C-alpha cells in the first residue's frame, strides 16, 4: 500500500484484544501519503532512515529512534534515502486512517 509493505504480527485475527503490531517496510525513494490517524501509534525505526511528519513538523528518524503519533494528528513518512527502511508499529485495535481526499482506510491488520 502506497509504496510500503506491511507484515502483521498481532491483531484481533491473531488473538489480540487491545493491541496491533506490525513491521512496515518502506522502499527507497518512497514519498508517503499523509493521513489522519484515529488512534495513537508508536513507531520504532529498526533499520534505515525516514522522515516522519506529524502535524506539519518533520523529523528524521534513524535506527533505534522512536516517534509517537498522537490520535487525530496528520502523519506521513518518507524514505528519501537510497536504502530500505524497516519500522515496528504498535497501535490499538480499530485504527483508521483518513486521507486528504476523505477516503477512510481500515487496515485489515488492525481489525
PDB file of N, CA and C in Angstrom:
ATOM      1  N   UNK A   1       0.841  -1.180   0.000  1.00  0.00           N
ATOM      2  CA  UNK A   1       0.000   0.000   0.000  1.00  0.00           C
ATOM      3  C   UNK A   1       0.888   1.247   0.000  1.00  0.00           C
ATOM      4  N   UNK A   2       0.650   2.140  -0.949  1.00  0.00           N
ATOM      5  CA  UNK A   2       1.360   3.412  -1.051  1.00  0.00           C
ATOM      6  C   UNK A   2       2.876   3.265  -0.993  1.00  0.00           C
ATOM      7  N   UNK A   3       3.423   2.231  -1.643  1.00  0.00           N
ATOM      8  CA  UNK A   3       4.865   2.052  -1.693  1.00  0.00           C
ATOM      9  C   UNK A   3       5.461   1.394  -0.467  1.00  0.00           C
ATOM     10  N   UNK A   4       4.627   0.846   0.399  1.00  0.00           N
ATOM     11  CA  UNK A   4       5.120   0.209   1.621  1.00  0.00           C
ATOM     12  C   UNK A   4       4.531  -1.200   1.730  1.00  0.00           C
ATOM     13  N   UNK A   5       5.227  -2.044   2.483  1.00  0.00           N
ATOM     14  CA  UNK A   5       4.775  -3.408   2.727  1.00  0.00           C
ATOM     15  C   UNK A   5       4.542  -3.575   4.224  1.00  0.00           C
ATOM     16  N   UNK A   6       3.428  -4.217   4.587  1.00  0.00           N
ATOM     17  CA  UNK A   6       3.037  -4.397   5.981  1.00  0.00           C
ATOM     18  C   UNK A   6       3.066  -5.884   6.327  1.00  0.00           C
ATOM     19  N   UNK A   7       3.671  -6.221   7.464  1.00  0.00           N
ATOM     20  CA  UNK A   7       3.730  -7.596   7.959  1.00  0.00           C
ATOM     21  C   UNK A   7       3.105  -7.609   9.347  1.00  0.00           C
ATOM     22  N   UNK A   8       1.876  -8.136   9.455  1.00  0.00           N
ATOM     23  CA  UNK A   8       1.147  -8.131  10.715  1.00  0.00           C
ATOM     24  C   UNK A   8       1.653  -9.227  11.642  1.00  0.00           C
ATOM     25  N   UNK A   9       1.826  -8.877  12.924  1.00  0.00           N
ATOM     26  CA  UNK A   9       2.246  -9.836  13.945  1.00  0.00           C
ATOM     27  C   UNK A   9       1.148 -10.067  14.981  1.00  0.00           C
ATOM     28  N   UNK A  10       0.466  -8.990  15.398  1.00  0.00           N
ATOM     29  CA  UNK A  10      -0.592  -9.112  16.388  1.00  0.00           C
ATOM     30  C   UNK A  10      -1.786  -8.265  15.966  1.00  0.00           C
ATOM     31  N   UNK A  11      -2.977  -8.860  16.043  1.00  0.00           N
ATOM     32  CA  UNK A  11      -4.225  -8.186  15.704  1.00  0.00           C
ATOM     33  C   UNK A  11      -5.365  -9.027  16.267  1.00  0.00           C
ATOM     34  N   UNK A  12      -6.592  -8.532  16.206  1.00  0.00           N
ATOM     35  CA  UNK A  12      -7.701  -9.351  16.686  1.00  0.00           C
ATOM     36  C   UNK A  12      -7.780 -10.713  15.975  1.00  0.00           C
ATOM     37  N   UNK A  13      -7.402 -10.747  14.703  1.00  0.00           N
ATOM     38  CA  UNK A  13      -7.466 -12.019  13.974  1.00  0.00           C
ATOM     39  C   UNK A  13      -6.433 -13.034  14.473  1.00  0.00           C
ATOM     40  N   UNK A  14      -5.423 -12.563  15.224  1.00  0.00           N
ATOM     41  CA  UNK A  14      -4.431 -13.484  15.792  1.00  0.00           C
ATOM     42  C   UNK A  14      -4.584 -13.616  17.310  1.00  0.00           C
ATOM     43  N   UNK A  15      -5.685 -13.070  17.859  1.00  0.00           N
ATOM     44  CA  UNK A  15      -5.985 -13.257  19.271  1.00  0.00           C
ATOM     45  C   UNK A  15      -5.803 -12.051  20.170  1.00  0.00           C
ATOM     46  N   UNK A  16      -5.265 -10.952  19.668  1.00  0.00           N
ATOM     47  CA  UNK A  16      -5.087  -9.758  20.497  1.00  0.00           C
ATOM     48  C   UNK A  16      -6.429  -9.042  20.662  1.00  0.00           C
ATOM     49  N   UNK A  17      -6.705  -8.596  21.864  1.00  0.00           N
ATOM     50  CA  UNK A  17      -7.959  -7.874  22.097  1.00  0.00           C
ATOM     51  C   UNK A  17      -7.778  -6.358  22.115  1.00  0.00           C
ATOM     52  N   UNK A  18      -6.569  -5.868  22.397  1.00  0.00           N
ATOM     53  CA  UNK A  18      -6.375  -4.427  22.541  1.00  0.00           C
ATOM     54  C   UNK A  18      -5.312  -3.827  21.634  1.00  0.00           C
ATOM     55  N   UNK A  19      -4.272  -4.604  21.313  1.00  0.00           N
ATOM     56  CA  UNK A  19      -3.144  -4.040  20.574  1.00  0.00           C
ATOM     57  C   UNK A  19      -2.954  -4.685  19.209  1.00  0.00           C
ATOM     58  N   UNK A  20      -2.403  -3.891  18.309  1.00  0.00           N
ATOM     59  CA  UNK A  20      -1.996  -4.367  16.988  1.00  0.00           C
ATOM     60  C   UNK A  20      -0.527  -3.998  16.821  1.00  0.00           C
ATOM     61  N   UNK A  21       0.219  -4.869  16.177  1.00  0.00           N
ATOM     62  CA  UNK A  21       1.638  -4.587  15.928  1.00  0.00           C
ATOM     63  C   UNK A  21       2.016  -5.168  14.575  1.00  0.00           C
ATOM     64  N   UNK A  22       2.807  -4.400  13.837  1.00  0.00           N
ATOM     65  CA  UNK A  22       3.262  -4.856  12.532  1.00  0.00           C
ATOM     66  C   UNK A  22       4.617  -4.250  12.212  1.00  0.00           C
ATOM     67  N   UNK A  23       5.270  -4.858  11.236  1.00  0.00           N
ATOM     68  CA  UNK A  23       6.523  -4.329  10.702  1.00  0.00           C
ATOM     69  C   UNK A  23       6.196  -3.709   9.358  1.00  0.00           C
ATOM     70  N   UNK A  24       6.652  -2.498   9.182  1.00  0.00           N
ATOM     71  CA  UNK A  24       6.431  -1.737   7.962  1.00  0.00           C
ATOM     72  C   UNK A  24       7.754  -1.628   7.224  1.00  0.00           C
ATOM     73  N   UNK A  25       7.767  -1.983   5.953  1.00  0.00           N
ATOM     74  CA  UNK A  25       8.958  -1.830   5.121  1.00  0.00           C
ATOM     75  C   UNK A  25       8.687  -0.738   4.099  1.00  0.00           C
ATOM     76  N   UNK A  26       9.587   0.246   4.052  1.00  0.00           N
ATOM     77  CA  UNK A  26       9.423   1.386   3.163  1.00  0.00           C
ATOM     78  C   UNK A  26      10.580   1.385   2.174  1.00  0.00           C
ATOM     79  N   UNK A  27      10.254   1.270   0.903  1.00  0.00           N
ATOM     80  CA  UNK A  27      11.267   1.213  -0.151  1.00  0.00           C
ATOM     81  C   UNK A  27      11.990   2.547  -0.300  1.00  0.00           C
ATOM     82  N   UNK A  28      13.226   2.511  -0.788  1.00  0.00           N
ATOM     83  CA  UNK A  28      13.963   3.757  -1.020  1.00  0.00           C
ATOM     84  C   UNK A  28      13.200   4.658  -2.003  1.00  0.00           C
ATOM     85  N   UNK A  29      13.264   5.948  -1.762  1.00  0.00           N
ATOM     86  CA  UNK A  29      12.635   6.915  -2.655  1.00  0.00           C
ATOM     87  C   UNK A  29      11.127   7.003  -2.528  1.00  0.00           C
ATOM     88  N   UNK A  30      10.553   6.436  -1.470  1.00  0.00           N
ATOM     89  CA  UNK A  30       9.094   6.451  -1.282  1.00  0.00           C
ATOM     90  C   UNK A  30       8.649   7.744  -0.606  1.00  0.00           C
ATOM     91  N   UNK A  31       7.682   8.403  -1.223  1.00  0.00           N
ATOM     92  CA  UNK A  31       7.040   9.557  -0.603  1.00  0.00           C
ATOM     93  C   UNK A  31       5.731   9.064  -0.017  1.00  0.00           C
ATOM     94  N   UNK A  32       5.570   9.214   1.289  1.00  0.00           N
ATOM     95  CA  UNK A  32       4.381   8.705   1.973  1.00  0.00           C
ATOM     96  C   UNK A  32       3.142   9.524   1.664  1.00  0.00           C
ATOM     97  N   UNK A  33       2.006   8.931   1.965  1.00  0.00           N
ATOM     98  CA  UNK A  33       0.715   9.594   1.783  1.00  0.00           C
ATOM     99  C   UNK A  33       0.250  10.119   3.136  1.00  0.00           C
ATOM    100  N   UNK A  34       0.131  11.433   3.279  1.00  0.00           N
ATOM    101  CA  UNK A  34      -0.337  11.974   4.568  1.00  0.00           C
ATOM    102  C   UNK A  34      -1.732  11.459   4.891  1.00  0.00           C
ATOM    103  N   UNK A  35      -1.942  11.155   6.160  1.00  0.00           N
ATOM    104  CA  UNK A  35      -3.236  10.662   6.615  1.00  0.00           C
ATOM    105  C   UNK A  35      -3.433  11.028   8.077  1.00  0.00           C
ATOM    106  N   UNK A  36      -4.703  11.170   8.482  1.00  0.00           N
ATOM    107  CA  UNK A  36      -5.037  11.471   9.872  1.00  0.00           C
ATOM    108  C   UNK A  36      -5.366  10.140  10.553  1.00  0.00           C
ATOM    109  N   UNK A  37      -4.732   9.890  11.697  1.00  0.00           N
ATOM    110  CA  UNK A  37      -4.929   8.625  12.408  1.00  0.00           C
ATOM    111  C   UNK A  37      -5.953   8.790  13.530  1.00  0.00           C
ATOM    112  N   UNK A  38      -6.744   7.738  13.729  1.00  0.00           N
ATOM    113  CA  UNK A  38      -7.802   7.795  14.738  1.00  0.00           C
ATOM    114  C   UNK A  38      -7.326   7.359  16.118  1.00  0.00           C
ATOM    115  N   UNK A  39      -6.160   6.715  16.172  1.00  0.00           N
ATOM    116  CA  UNK A  39      -5.611   6.221  17.441  1.00  0.00           C
ATOM    117  C   UNK A  39      -4.115   6.531  17.493  1.00  0.00           C
ATOM    118  N   UNK A  40      -3.564   6.556  18.702  1.00  0.00           N
ATOM    119  CA  UNK A  40      -2.120   6.740  18.839  1.00  0.00           C
ATOM    120  C   UNK A  40      -1.381   5.599  18.154  1.00  0.00           C
ATOM    121  N   UNK A  41      -0.225   5.933  17.593  1.00  0.00           N
ATOM    122  CA  UNK A  41       0.677   4.937  17.031  1.00  0.00           C
ATOM    123  C   UNK A  41       2.070   5.204  17.592  1.00  0.00           C
ATOM    124  N   UNK A  42       2.803   4.137  17.859  1.00  0.00           N
ATOM    125  CA  UNK A  42       4.197   4.254  18.256  1.00  0.00           C
ATOM    126  C   UNK A  42       5.022   3.561  17.174  1.00  0.00           C
ATOM    127  N   UNK A  43       6.032   4.268  16.685  1.00  0.00           N
ATOM    128  CA  UNK A  43       6.899   3.729  15.646  1.00  0.00           C
ATOM    129  C   UNK A  43       8.321   3.627  16.177  1.00  0.00           C
ATOM    130  N   UNK A  44       8.947   2.491  15.965  1.00  0.00           N
ATOM    131  CA  UNK A  44      10.345   2.282  16.320  1.00  0.00           C
ATOM    132  C   UNK A  44      11.078   1.920  15.041  1.00  0.00           C
ATOM    133  N   UNK A  45      12.009   2.768  14.629  1.00  0.00           N
ATOM    134  CA  UNK A  45      12.760   2.507  13.404  1.00  0.00           C
ATOM    135  C   UNK A  45      13.802   1.433  13.673  1.00  0.00           C
ATOM    136  N   UNK A  46      13.659   0.309  12.981  1.00  0.00           N
ATOM    137  CA  UNK A  46      14.565  -0.825  13.160  1.00  0.00           C
ATOM    138  C   UNK A  46      15.814  -0.696  12.304  1.00  0.00           C
ATOM    139  N   UNK A  47      15.626  -0.196  11.080  1.00  0.00           N
ATOM    140  CA  UNK A  47      16.738  -0.109  10.142  1.00  0.00           C
ATOM    141  C   UNK A  47      16.460   0.990   9.135  1.00  0.00           C
ATOM    142  N   UNK A  48      17.500   1.687   8.718  1.00  0.00           N
ATOM    143  CA  UNK A  48      17.359   2.728   7.708  1.00  0.00           C
ATOM    144  C   UNK A  48      17.170   4.102   8.322  1.00  0.00           C
ATOM    145  N   UNK A  49      16.579   4.981   7.513  1.00  0.00           N
ATOM    146  CA  UNK A  49      16.341   6.366   7.913  1.00  0.00           C
ATOM    147  C   UNK A  49      15.062   6.841   7.240  1.00  0.00           C
ATOM    148  N   UNK A  50      14.204   7.502   7.993  1.00  0.00           N
ATOM    149  CA  UNK A  50      12.943   8.015   7.472  1.00  0.00           C
ATOM    150  C   UNK A  50      12.724   9.449   7.927  1.00  0.00           C
ATOM    151  N   UNK A  51      11.925  10.170   7.177  1.00  0.00           N
ATOM    152  CA  UNK A  51      11.442  11.467   7.613  1.00  0.00           C
ATOM    153  C   UNK A  51       9.984  11.284   8.021  1.00  0.00           C
ATOM    154  N   UNK A  52       9.693  11.540   9.283  1.00  0.00           N
ATOM    155  CA  UNK A  52       8.327  11.450   9.799  1.00  0.00           C
ATOM    156  C   UNK A  52       7.793  12.866   9.955  1.00  0.00           C
ATOM    157  N   UNK A  53       6.622  13.112   9.410  1.00  0.00           N
ATOM    158  CA  UNK A  53       5.992  14.423   9.525  1.00  0.00           C
ATOM    159  C   UNK A  53       4.689  14.264  10.290  1.00  0.00           C
ATOM    160  N   UNK A  54       4.607  14.941  11.435  1.00  0.00           N
ATOM    161  CA  UNK A  54       3.430  14.890  12.295  1.00  0.00           C
ATOM    162  C   UNK A  54       2.893  16.303  12.443  1.00  0.00           C
ATOM    163  N   UNK A  55       1.674  16.507  11.968  1.00  0.00           N
ATOM    164  CA  UNK A  55       1.043  17.836  12.002  1.00  0.00           C
ATOM    165  C   UNK A  55       1.964  18.916  11.442  1.00  0.00           C
ATOM    166  N   UNK A  56       2.600  18.610  10.316  1.00  0.00           N
ATOM    167  CA  UNK A  56       3.424  19.580   9.613  1.00  0.00           C
ATOM    168  C   UNK A  56       4.846  19.732  10.110  1.00  0.00           C
ATOM    169  N   UNK A  57       5.209  19.043  11.170  1.00  0.00           N
ATOM    170  CA  UNK A  57       6.570  19.125  11.721  1.00  0.00           C
ATOM    171  C   UNK A  57       7.345  17.868  11.317  1.00  0.00           C
ATOM    172  N   UNK A  58       8.399  18.063  10.543  1.00  0.00           N
ATOM    173  CA  UNK A  58       9.197  16.940  10.040  1.00  0.00           C
ATOM    174  C   UNK A  58      10.396  16.680  10.939  1.00  0.00           C
ATOM    175  N   UNK A  59      10.707  15.403  11.118  1.00  0.00           N
ATOM    176  CA  UNK A  59      11.881  14.995  11.892  1.00  0.00           C
ATOM    177  C   UNK A  59      12.477  13.753  11.244  1.00  0.00           C
ATOM    178  N   UNK A  60      13.799  13.661  11.280  1.00  0.00           N
ATOM    179  CA  UNK A  60      14.485  12.492  10.750  1.00  0.00           C
ATOM    180  C   UNK A  60      14.589  11.440  11.842  1.00  0.00           C
ATOM    181  N   UNK A  61      14.192  10.218  11.494  1.00  0.00           N
ATOM    182  CA  UNK A  61      14.333   9.087  12.407  1.00  0.00           C
ATOM    183  C   UNK A  61      15.432   8.177  11.882  1.00  0.00           C
ATOM    184  N   UNK A  62      16.291   7.752  12.789  1.00  0.00           N
ATOM    185  CA  UNK A  62      17.353   6.808  12.458  1.00  0.00           C
ATOM    186  C   UNK A  62      17.152   5.539  13.273  1.00  0.00           C
ATOM    187  N   UNK A  63      17.795   4.460  12.855  1.00  0.00           N
ATOM    188  CA  UNK A  63      17.632   3.169  13.526  1.00  0.00           C
ATOM    189  C   UNK A  63      17.777   3.327  15.039  1.00  0.00           C
ATOM    190  N   UNK A  64      16.834   2.751  15.773  1.00  0.00           N
ATOM    191  CA  UNK A  64      16.830   2.814  17.231  1.00  0.00           C
ATOM    192  C   UNK A  64      16.028   3.965  17.798  1.00  0.00           C
ATOM    193  N   UNK A  65      15.584   4.883  16.953  1.00  0.00           N
ATOM    194  CA  UNK A  65      14.795   6.019  17.425  1.00  0.00           C
ATOM    195  C   UNK A  65      13.307   5.738  17.252  1.00  0.00           C
ATOM    196  N   UNK A  66      12.498   6.381  18.084  1.00  0.00           N
ATOM    197  CA  UNK A  66      11.062   6.149  18.076  1.00  0.00           C
ATOM    198  C   UNK A  66      10.302   7.466  17.944  1.00  0.00           C
ATOM    199  N   UNK A  67       9.066   7.357  17.481  1.00  0.00           N
ATOM    200  CA  UNK A  67       8.173   8.511  17.385  1.00  0.00           C
ATOM    201  C   UNK A  67       6.791   8.078  17.845  1.00  0.00           C
ATOM    202  N   UNK A  68       6.086   9.004  18.483  1.00  0.00           N
ATOM    203  CA  UNK A  68       4.712   8.766  18.899  1.00  0.00           C
ATOM    204  C   UNK A  68       3.823   9.675  18.068  1.00  0.00           C
ATOM    205  N   UNK A  69       2.839   9.081  17.418  1.00  0.00           N
ATOM    206  CA  UNK A  69       1.903   9.819  16.584  1.00  0.00           C
ATOM    207  C   UNK A  69       0.598   9.947  17.366  1.00  0.00           C
ATOM    208  N   UNK A  70       0.232  11.152  17.795  1.00  0.00           N
ATOM    209  CA  UNK A  70      -0.994  11.329  18.593  1.00  0.00           C
ATOM    210  C   UNK A  70      -2.257  11.039  17.779  1.00  0.00           C
ATOM    211  N   UNK A  71      -3.262  10.516  18.441  1.00  0.00           N
ATOM    212  CA  UNK A  71      -4.560  10.311  17.800  1.00  0.00           C
ATOM    213  C   UNK A  71      -5.076  11.647  17.279  1.00  0.00           C
ATOM    214  N   UNK A  72      -5.627  11.633  16.075  1.00  0.00           N
ATOM    215  CA  UNK A  72      -6.171  12.842  15.473  1.00  0.00           C
ATOM    216  C   UNK A  72      -5.167  13.673  14.701  1.00  0.00           C
ATOM    217  N   UNK A  73      -3.890  13.305  14.754  1.00  0.00           N
ATOM    218  CA  UNK A  73      -2.880  14.080  14.041  1.00  0.00           C
ATOM    219  C   UNK A  73      -2.763  13.609  12.594  1.00  0.00           C
ATOM    220  N   UNK A  74      -2.207  14.494  11.770  1.00  0.00           N
ATOM    221  CA  UNK A  74      -1.911  14.146  10.385  1.00  0.00           C
ATOM    222  C   UNK A  74      -0.469  13.690  10.328  1.00  0.00           C
ATOM    223  N   UNK A  75      -0.258  12.561   9.672  1.00  0.00           N
ATOM    224  CA  UNK A  75       1.022  11.875   9.730  1.00  0.00           C
ATOM    225  C   UNK A  75       1.410  11.321   8.358  1.00  0.00           C
ATOM    226  N   UNK A  76       2.693  11.341   8.087  1.00  0.00           N
ATOM    227  CA  UNK A  76       3.230  10.712   6.885  1.00  0.00           C
ATOM    228  C   UNK A  76       4.699  10.414   7.080  1.00  0.00           C
ATOM    229  N   UNK A  77       5.199   9.400   6.365  1.00  0.00           N
ATOM    230  CA  UNK A  77       6.634   9.104   6.410  1.00  0.00           C
ATOM    231  C   UNK A  77       7.169   8.991   4.991  1.00  0.00           C
ATOM    232  N   UNK A  78       8.374   9.499   4.815  1.00  0.00           N
ATOM    233  CA  UNK A  78       9.071   9.451   3.530  1.00  0.00           C
ATOM    234  C   UNK A  78      10.406   8.763   3.724  1.00  0.00           C
ATOM    235  N   UNK A  79      10.789   8.006   2.721  1.00  0.00           N
ATOM    236  CA  UNK A  79      12.121   7.413   2.707  1.00  0.00           C
ATOM    237  C   UNK A  79      12.870   8.034   1.537  1.00  0.00           C
ATOM    238  N   UNK A  80      13.595   9.099   1.800  1.00  0.00           N
ATOM    239  CA  UNK A  80      14.337   9.789   0.757  1.00  0.00           C
ATOM    240  C   UNK A  80      15.743   9.215   0.595  1.00  0.00           C
ATOM    241  N   UNK A  81      16.064   8.214   1.400  1.00  0.00           N
ATOM    242  CA  UNK A  81      17.393   7.601   1.329  1.00  0.00           C
ATOM    243  C   UNK A  81      17.448   6.608   0.171  1.00  0.00           C
ATOM    244  N   UNK A  82      18.613   6.066  -0.053  1.00  0.00           N
ATOM    245  CA  UNK A  82      18.830   5.095  -1.111  1.00  0.00           C
ATOM    246  C   UNK A  82      18.731   3.661  -0.645  1.00  0.00           C
ATOM    247  N   UNK A  83      18.249   3.449   0.583  1.00  0.00           N
ATOM    248  CA  UNK A  83      18.132   2.078   1.083  1.00  0.00           C
ATOM    249  C   UNK A  83      16.792   1.871   1.784  1.00  0.00           C
ATOM    250  N   UNK A  84      16.340   0.632   1.876  1.00  0.00           N
ATOM    251  CA  UNK A  84      15.058   0.360   2.531  1.00  0.00           C
ATOM    252  C   UNK A  84      15.089   0.735   4.011  1.00  0.00           C
ATOM    253  N   UNK A  85      13.912   0.974   4.554  1.00  0.00           N
ATOM    254  CA  UNK A  85      13.769   1.239   5.983  1.00  0.00           C
ATOM    255  C   UNK A  85      12.731   0.263   6.536  1.00  0.00           C
ATOM    256  N   UNK A  86      12.919  -0.117   7.796  1.00  0.00           N
ATOM    257  CA  UNK A  86      12.020  -1.048   8.458  1.00  0.00           C
ATOM    258  C   UNK A  86      11.586  -0.450   9.790  1.00  0.00           C
ATOM    259  N   UNK A  87      10.273  -0.493  10.062  1.00  0.00           N
ATOM    260  CA  UNK A  87       9.698   0.142  11.241  1.00  0.00           C
ATOM    261  C   UNK A  87       8.787  -0.849  11.964  1.00  0.00           C
ATOM    262  N   UNK A  88       8.877  -0.902  13.298  1.00  0.00           N
ATOM    263  CA  UNK A  88       7.922  -1.647  14.121  1.00  0.00           C
ATOM    264  C   UNK A  88       6.865  -0.645  14.548  1.00  0.00           C
ATOM    265  N   UNK A  89       5.589  -0.975  14.308  1.00  0.00           N
ATOM    266  CA  UNK A  89       4.485  -0.074  14.629  1.00  0.00           C
ATOM    267  C   UNK A  89       3.531  -0.773  15.596  1.00  0.00           C
ATOM    268  N   UNK A  90       3.109  -0.046  16.624  1.00  0.00           N
ATOM    269  CA  UNK A  90       2.137  -0.558  17.582  1.00  0.00           C
ATOM    270  C   UNK A  90       1.033   0.484  17.746  1.00  0.00           C
ATOM    271  N   UNK A  91      -0.205   0.004  17.794  1.00  0.00           N
ATOM    272  CA  UNK A  91      -1.362   0.869  17.997  1.00  0.00           C
ATOM    273  C   UNK A  91      -2.459   0.044  18.670  1.00  0.00           C
ATOM    274  N   UNK A  92      -3.599   0.648  18.882  1.00  0.00           N
ATOM    275  CA  UNK A  92      -4.720  -0.092  19.462  1.00  0.00           C
ATOM    276  C   UNK A  92      -5.658  -0.567  18.351  1.00  0.00           C
ATOM    277  N   UNK A  93      -6.407  -1.596  18.677  1.00  0.00           N
ATOM    278  CA  UNK A  93      -7.355  -2.189  17.740  1.00  0.00           C
ATOM    279  C   UNK A  93      -8.319  -1.115  17.228  1.00  0.00           C
ATOM    280  N   UNK A  94      -8.610  -1.160  15.944  1.00  0.00           N
ATOM    281  CA  UNK A  94      -9.595  -0.258  15.358  1.00  0.00           C
ATOM    282  C   UNK A  94      -9.039   0.982  14.694  1.00  0.00           C
ATOM    283  N   UNK A  95      -7.709   1.107  14.606  1.00  0.00           N
ATOM    284  CA  UNK A  95      -7.114   2.274  13.954  1.00  0.00           C
ATOM    285  C   UNK A  95      -7.703   2.466  12.558  1.00  0.00           C
ATOM    286  N   UNK A  96      -8.010   3.718  12.243  1.00  0.00           N
ATOM    287  CA  UNK A  96      -8.430   4.095  10.902  1.00  0.00           C
ATOM    288  C   UNK A  96      -7.553   5.249  10.444  1.00  0.00           C
ATOM    289  N   UNK A  97      -7.349   5.335   9.140  1.00  0.00           N
ATOM    290  CA  UNK A  97      -6.552   6.413   8.556  1.00  0.00           C
ATOM    291  C   UNK A  97      -7.417   7.144   7.533  1.00  0.00           C
ATOM    292  N   UNK A  98      -7.507   8.460   7.660  1.00  0.00           N
ATOM    293  CA  UNK A  98      -8.295   9.255   6.734  1.00  0.00           C
ATOM    294  C   UNK A  98      -7.351  10.056   5.842  1.00  0.00           C
ATOM    295  N   UNK A  99      -7.466   9.843   4.537  1.00  0.00           N
ATOM    296  CA  UNK A  99      -6.638  10.556   3.565  1.00  0.00           C
ATOM    297  C   UNK A  99      -7.192  11.953   3.332  1.00  0.00           C
ATOM    298  N   UNK A 100      -6.382  12.830   2.721  1.00  0.00           N
ATOM    299  CA  UNK A 100      -6.825  14.190   2.418  1.00  0.00           C
ATOM    300  C   UNK A 100      -8.086  14.196   1.557  1.00  0.00           C
ATOM    301  N   UNK A 101      -8.260  13.164   0.733  1.00  0.00           N
ATOM    302  CA  UNK A 101      -9.426  13.065  -0.150  1.00  0.00           C
ATOM    303  C   UNK A 101     -10.709  12.749   0.620  1.00  0.00           C
ATOM    304  N   UNK A 102     -10.566  12.359   1.901  1.00  0.00           N
ATOM    305  CA  UNK A 102     -11.719  11.959   2.697  1.00  0.00           C
ATOM    306  C   UNK A 102     -11.888  10.444   2.751  1.00  0.00           C
ATOM    307  N   UNK A 103     -11.143   9.727   1.913  1.00  0.00           N
ATOM    308  CA  UNK A 103     -11.208   8.263   1.938  1.00  0.00           C
ATOM    309  C   UNK A 103     -10.704   7.747   3.287  1.00  0.00           C
ATOM    310  N   UNK A 104     -11.444   6.794   3.865  1.00  0.00           N
ATOM    311  CA  UNK A 104     -11.066   6.197   5.138  1.00  0.00           C
ATOM    312  C   UNK A 104     -10.539   4.795   4.873  1.00  0.00           C
ATOM    313  N   UNK A 105      -9.330   4.537   5.373  1.00  0.00           N
ATOM    314  CA  UNK A 105      -8.708   3.224   5.230  1.00  0.00           C
ATOM    315  C   UNK A 105      -8.797   2.517   6.575  1.00  0.00           C
ATOM    316  N   UNK A 106      -9.297   1.302   6.544  1.00  0.00           N
ATOM    317  CA  UNK A 106      -9.413   0.462   7.736  1.00  0.00           C
ATOM    318  C   UNK A 106      -8.528  -0.756   7.516  1.00  0.00           C
ATOM    319  N   UNK A 107      -7.251  -0.663   7.881  1.00  0.00           N
ATOM    320  CA  UNK A 107      -6.323  -1.756   7.579  1.00  0.00           C
ATOM    321  C   UNK A 107      -6.759  -3.080   8.214  1.00  0.00           C
ATOM    322  N   UNK A 108      -6.638  -4.140   7.433  1.00  0.00           N
ATOM    323  CA  UNK A 108      -7.010  -5.478   7.919  1.00  0.00           C
ATOM    324  C   UNK A 108      -6.199  -5.862   9.147  1.00  0.00           C
ATOM    325  N   UNK A 109      -4.949  -5.376   9.232  1.00  0.00           N
ATOM    326  CA  UNK A 109      -4.081  -5.747  10.352  1.00  0.00           C
ATOM    327  C   UNK A 109      -4.415  -4.985  11.638  1.00  0.00           C
ATOM    328  N   UNK A 110      -5.479  -4.178  11.638  1.00  0.00           N
ATOM    329  CA  UNK A 110      -5.939  -3.515  12.870  1.00  0.00           C
ATOM    330  C   UNK A 110      -7.352  -3.967  13.243  1.00  0.00           C
ATOM    331  N   UNK A 111      -7.834  -4.992  12.614  1.00  0.00           N
ATOM    332  CA  UNK A 111      -9.196  -5.494  12.845  1.00  0.00           C
ATOM    333  C   UNK A 111      -9.172  -6.897  13.392  1.00  0.00           C
TER     334      UNK A 111
END
